[in-house]
Amino acid sequence: MKTTNAKELNEQYKDCPTQEQEFEIEGRKYIIISHYTGKKDLDEVVYRNAYNQAMDEVLHA
């Protein structure tokens, strides 16, 4: 099984929409770039996030 490095992934998904976020953790800045490749089922992701949030609210209230 061949592993893909970050440079190869950037090249593969260079034409996909991206979002860039900057975080600071313990005084160090990190930049996260998300590439939207369209490989996830949006309905499933939204359902799973809503379900997890509801369960967290019920169980940890």
N, C-alpha and C. Protein backbone atom coordinates (compact mmCIF):
# COMPACT_ATOMS: atom_id res chain seq x y z
N MET A 1 0.84 -1.18 0.00
CA MET A 1 0.00 0.00 0.00
C MET A 1 0.89 1.24 0.00
N LYS A 2 0.67 2.13 -0.95
CA LYS A 2 1.48 3.34 -1.08
C LYS A 2 0.86 4.45 -0.23
N THR A 3 1.67 5.10 0.56
CA THR A 3 1.19 6.24 1.32
C THR A 3 1.38 7.50 0.50
N THR A 4 0.45 8.43 0.64
CA THR A 4 0.51 9.68 -0.10
C THR A 4 0.98 10.78 0.83
N ASN A 5 1.97 11.56 0.40
CA ASN A 5 2.47 12.62 1.25
C ASN A 5 1.67 13.91 1.00
N ALA A 6 1.90 14.92 1.82
CA ALA A 6 1.14 16.16 1.75
C ALA A 6 1.31 16.87 0.41
N LYS A 7 2.50 16.83 -0.14
CA LYS A 7 2.75 17.50 -1.42
C LYS A 7 1.93 16.86 -2.52
N GLU A 8 1.87 15.53 -2.54
CA GLU A 8 1.07 14.82 -3.55
C GLU A 8 -0.42 15.11 -3.38
N LEU A 9 -0.88 15.15 -2.13
CA LEU A 9 -2.29 15.45 -1.88
C LEU A 9 -2.63 16.87 -2.32
N ASN A 10 -1.75 17.84 -2.03
CA ASN A 10 -1.98 19.21 -2.47
C ASN A 10 -2.10 19.29 -3.98
N GLU A 11 -1.25 18.58 -4.68
CA GLU A 11 -1.29 18.58 -6.14
C GLU A 11 -2.58 17.92 -6.65
N GLN A 12 -2.96 16.82 -6.02
CA GLN A 12 -4.15 16.08 -6.45
C GLN A 12 -5.42 16.91 -6.27
N TYR A 13 -5.51 17.68 -5.19
CA TYR A 13 -6.73 18.42 -4.88
C TYR A 13 -6.58 19.93 -5.06
N LYS A 14 -5.63 20.38 -5.87
CA LYS A 14 -5.35 21.81 -6.03
C LYS A 14 -6.52 22.59 -6.61
N ASP A 15 -7.38 21.95 -7.39
CA ASP A 15 -8.51 22.64 -8.01
C ASP A 15 -9.78 22.60 -7.17
N CYS A 16 -9.75 21.93 -6.03
CA CYS A 16 -10.92 21.85 -5.15
C CYS A 16 -11.03 23.12 -4.30
N PRO A 17 -12.26 23.49 -3.91
CA PRO A 17 -12.41 24.64 -3.02
C PRO A 17 -11.70 24.38 -1.69
N THR A 18 -11.15 25.44 -1.10
CA THR A 18 -10.44 25.30 0.16
C THR A 18 -10.94 26.31 1.18
N GLN A 19 -10.63 26.04 2.42
CA GLN A 19 -10.90 26.97 3.52
C GLN A 19 -9.65 26.98 4.39
N GLU A 20 -9.23 28.16 4.79
CA GLU A 20 -8.02 28.29 5.59
C GLU A 20 -8.39 28.86 6.96
N GLN A 21 -7.90 28.22 8.01
CA GLN A 21 -8.14 28.68 9.38
C GLN A 21 -6.81 28.75 10.11
N GLU A 22 -6.68 29.74 10.97
CA GLU A 22 -5.46 29.90 11.75
C GLU A 22 -5.79 29.71 13.22
N PHE A 23 -4.98 28.90 13.89
CA PHE A 23 -5.15 28.63 15.31
C PHE A 23 -3.86 28.95 16.03
N GLU A 24 -3.98 29.34 17.29
CA GLU A 24 -2.79 29.53 18.12
C GLU A 24 -2.90 28.60 19.31
N ILE A 25 -1.90 27.76 19.47
CA ILE A 25 -1.86 26.79 20.56
C ILE A 25 -0.55 26.96 21.28
N GLU A 26 -0.63 27.28 22.56
CA GLU A 26 0.55 27.48 23.40
C GLU A 26 1.56 28.41 22.74
N GLY A 27 1.05 29.51 22.18
CA GLY A 27 1.91 30.53 21.60
C GLY A 27 2.42 30.25 20.20
N ARG A 28 2.09 29.11 19.63
CA ARG A 28 2.52 28.79 18.26
C ARG A 28 1.32 28.87 17.33
N LYS A 29 1.51 29.48 16.18
CA LYS A 29 0.43 29.61 15.19
C LYS A 29 0.46 28.42 14.24
N TYR A 30 -0.73 27.88 13.97
CA TYR A 30 -0.89 26.78 13.03
C TYR A 30 -1.91 27.20 11.99
N ILE A 31 -1.66 26.91 10.74
CA ILE A 31 -2.59 27.21 9.66
C ILE A 31 -3.10 25.87 9.12
N ILE A 32 -4.43 25.71 9.13
CA ILE A 32 -5.07 24.50 8.64
C ILE A 32 -5.77 24.85 7.33
N ILE A 33 -5.48 24.10 6.28
CA ILE A 33 -6.13 24.30 5.00
C ILE A 33 -6.97 23.07 4.70
N SER A 34 -8.28 23.26 4.61
CA SER A 34 -9.20 22.16 4.32
C SER A 34 -9.53 22.18 2.83
N HIS A 35 -9.41 21.02 2.19
CA HIS A 35 -9.75 20.88 0.77
C HIS A 35 -11.08 20.13 0.69
N TYR A 36 -12.04 20.72 -0.02
CA TYR A 36 -13.35 20.10 -0.16
C TYR A 36 -13.37 19.29 -1.45
N THR A 37 -13.25 17.98 -1.30
CA THR A 37 -13.11 17.09 -2.45
C THR A 37 -14.44 16.50 -2.90
N GLY A 38 -15.49 16.64 -2.10
CA GLY A 38 -16.79 16.12 -2.48
C GLY A 38 -16.93 14.63 -2.26
N LYS A 39 -16.08 14.03 -1.44
CA LYS A 39 -16.12 12.58 -1.24
C LYS A 39 -16.98 12.15 -0.07
N LYS A 40 -17.55 13.10 0.69
CA LYS A 40 -18.38 12.73 1.82
C LYS A 40 -19.85 12.98 1.50
N ASP A 41 -20.71 12.17 2.08
CA ASP A 41 -22.15 12.33 1.92
C ASP A 41 -22.61 13.38 2.92
N LEU A 42 -23.00 14.55 2.42
CA LEU A 42 -23.36 15.67 3.28
C LEU A 42 -24.51 15.32 4.22
N ASP A 43 -25.52 14.59 3.72
CA ASP A 43 -26.64 14.20 4.58
C ASP A 43 -26.16 13.38 5.77
N GLU A 44 -25.26 12.45 5.52
CA GLU A 44 -24.75 11.61 6.61
C GLU A 44 -23.94 12.43 7.62
N VAL A 45 -23.12 13.34 7.13
CA VAL A 45 -22.29 14.15 8.01
C VAL A 45 -23.16 15.06 8.89
N VAL A 46 -24.15 15.72 8.29
CA VAL A 46 -25.03 16.61 9.06
C VAL A 46 -25.83 15.81 10.08
N TYR A 47 -26.36 14.65 9.67
CA TYR A 47 -27.12 13.81 10.59
C TYR A 47 -26.24 13.37 11.76
N ARG A 48 -25.04 12.89 11.46
CA ARG A 48 -24.15 12.40 12.51
C ARG A 48 -23.76 13.52 13.49
N ASN A 49 -23.47 14.71 12.97
CA ASN A 49 -23.13 15.83 13.83
C ASN A 49 -24.31 16.24 14.71
N ALA A 50 -25.51 16.29 14.14
CA ALA A 50 -26.71 16.64 14.91
C ALA A 50 -26.98 15.58 15.98
N TYR A 51 -26.86 14.32 15.62
CA TYR A 51 -27.09 13.22 16.57
C TYR A 51 -26.09 13.30 17.73
N ASN A 52 -24.82 13.47 17.40
CA ASN A 52 -23.78 13.54 18.44
C ASN A 52 -24.00 14.74 19.36
N GLN A 53 -24.37 15.87 18.81
CA GLN A 53 -24.61 17.06 19.62
C GLN A 53 -25.82 16.84 20.54
N ALA A 54 -26.88 16.24 20.01
CA ALA A 54 -28.07 15.98 20.83
C ALA A 54 -27.75 15.01 21.95
N MET A 55 -27.00 13.96 21.64
CA MET A 55 -26.64 12.99 22.68
C MET A 55 -25.75 13.64 23.74
N ASP A 56 -24.82 14.48 23.35
CA ASP A 56 -23.97 15.17 24.31
C ASP A 56 -24.80 16.07 25.23
N GLU A 57 -25.78 16.77 24.64
CA GLU A 57 -26.63 17.67 25.44
C GLU A 57 -27.48 16.88 26.43
N VAL A 58 -28.00 15.74 26.02
CA VAL A 58 -28.87 14.94 26.88
C VAL A 58 -28.05 14.26 27.99
N LEU A 59 -26.93 13.68 27.61
CA LEU A 59 -26.16 12.89 28.57
C LEU A 59 -25.27 13.73 29.49
N HIS A 60 -24.92 14.92 29.08
CA HIS A 60 -24.01 15.75 29.89
C HIS A 60 -24.65 17.03 30.36
N ALA A 61 -25.97 17.06 30.42
CA ALA A 61 -26.66 18.28 30.85
C ALA A 61 -26.64 18.45 32.34
